[in-house]
Amino acid sequence: LRASFLAERLGLSPNNSAASVRQVEGRHRRLRAFDMAGLVLTLATFVFAIIWAFPLYWAMVTTLKPEYEVVQPGVRLWPETFTLEAYAYVL
């Protein structure tokens, strides 16, 4: 029943529908495995991109913090107050 249904949906001839359906099902399994591998690869790339970019973000945010926030214990991902005094000091 399933083979004839798939053959009808795919527009295959009824004479060799079982063989054609097996080919299509096999192709579908390979595509599903390929899609899953692509998803895993995309997620891994995203995680590594975040790990790579975090030090750049941390350096930029640290330049915008006042000194007392830089030496404060603990981790803050965003400064409480923004300042450009580090750039004024360098100039």
Protein backbone atom coordinates (compact mmCIF):
# COMPACT_ATOMS: atom_id res chain seq x y z
CA LEU A 1 0.00 0.00 0.00
CA ARG A 2 2.77 2.42 0.92
CA ALA A 3 4.74 1.65 -2.26
CA SER A 4 1.74 2.27 -4.49
CA PHE A 5 0.88 5.47 -2.63
CA LEU A 6 4.42 6.81 -3.02
CA ALA A 7 4.54 5.73 -6.65
CA GLU A 8 1.30 7.57 -7.31
CA ARG A 9 2.50 10.71 -5.48
CA LEU A 10 5.81 10.70 -7.35
CA GLY A 11 4.24 10.02 -10.73
CA LEU A 12 5.97 6.66 -11.24
CA SER A 13 4.64 3.86 -13.42
CA PRO A 14 2.87 1.06 -11.54
CA ASN A 15 4.96 -1.63 -13.27
CA ASN A 16 8.22 -0.89 -11.46
CA SER A 17 6.84 1.19 -8.62
CA ALA A 18 8.31 -0.91 -5.79
CA ALA A 19 11.87 -0.59 -7.12
CA SER A 20 11.43 3.10 -7.81
CA VAL A 21 9.96 3.74 -4.40
CA ARG A 22 12.89 1.94 -2.76
CA GLN A 23 15.25 4.20 -4.70
CA VAL A 24 13.34 7.29 -3.64
CA GLU A 25 13.19 6.15 0.00
CA GLY A 26 16.92 5.43 -0.03
CA ARG A 27 17.59 8.86 -1.50
CA HIS A 28 15.33 10.42 1.13
CA ARG A 29 17.27 8.70 3.95
CA ARG A 30 20.57 9.93 2.53
CA LEU A 31 19.22 13.47 2.24
CA ARG A 32 17.92 13.34 5.81
CA ALA A 33 21.34 12.17 7.04
CA PHE A 34 22.97 14.94 4.98
CA ASP A 35 20.60 17.52 6.48
CA MET A 36 21.39 16.30 10.01
CA ALA A 37 25.12 16.49 9.32
CA GLY A 38 24.64 20.01 7.93
CA LEU A 39 22.77 21.04 11.08
CA VAL A 40 25.52 19.68 13.33
CA LEU A 41 28.17 21.39 11.23
CA THR A 42 26.27 24.68 11.34
CA LEU A 43 25.88 24.52 15.12
CA ALA A 44 29.56 23.67 15.59
CA THR A 45 30.55 26.57 13.33
CA PHE A 46 28.31 28.93 15.30
CA VAL A 47 29.81 27.82 18.64
CA PHE A 48 33.38 28.18 17.38
CA ALA A 49 32.57 31.62 15.94
CA ILE A 50 31.32 32.78 19.34
CA ILE A 51 34.41 31.38 21.05
CA TRP A 52 36.61 33.12 18.48
CA ALA A 53 34.81 36.48 18.70
CA PHE A 54 34.43 36.67 22.49
CA PRO A 55 37.98 37.94 23.22
CA LEU A 56 37.47 40.73 20.65
CA TYR A 57 34.20 41.68 22.32
CA TRP A 58 35.79 41.54 25.78
CA ALA A 59 38.68 43.79 24.71
CA MET A 60 36.34 46.36 23.18
CA VAL A 61 34.00 46.43 26.17
CA THR A 62 36.92 46.67 28.59
CA THR A 63 38.17 49.81 26.84
CA LEU A 64 34.79 51.41 27.47
CA LYS A 65 34.73 50.66 31.22
CA PRO A 66 36.10 52.96 33.89
CA GLU A 67 39.14 51.62 35.75
CA TYR A 68 37.27 50.70 38.93
CA GLU A 69 34.96 48.41 36.90
CA VAL A 70 37.89 46.74 35.16
CA VAL A 71 39.59 45.72 38.42
CA GLN A 72 36.35 44.80 40.21
CA PRO A 73 36.03 41.09 41.08
CA GLY A 74 33.48 39.15 39.08
CA VAL A 75 32.54 39.13 35.45
CA ARG A 76 30.30 41.72 33.85
CA LEU A 77 29.57 41.34 30.18
CA TRP A 78 28.30 44.92 29.87
CA PRO A 79 29.71 48.01 31.63
CA GLU A 80 27.57 49.81 34.19
CA THR A 81 28.84 53.17 32.92
CA PHE A 82 30.46 53.91 29.60
CA THR A 83 33.50 56.13 29.42
CA LEU A 84 36.12 57.10 26.87
CA GLU A 85 38.74 58.07 29.48
CA ALA A 86 41.00 55.18 28.43
CA TYR A 87 41.18 56.66 24.94
CA ALA A 88 41.80 60.15 26.33
CA TYR A 89 44.64 58.73 28.46
CA VAL A 90 46.27 57.11 25.43
CA LEU A 91 46.09 60.32 23.40
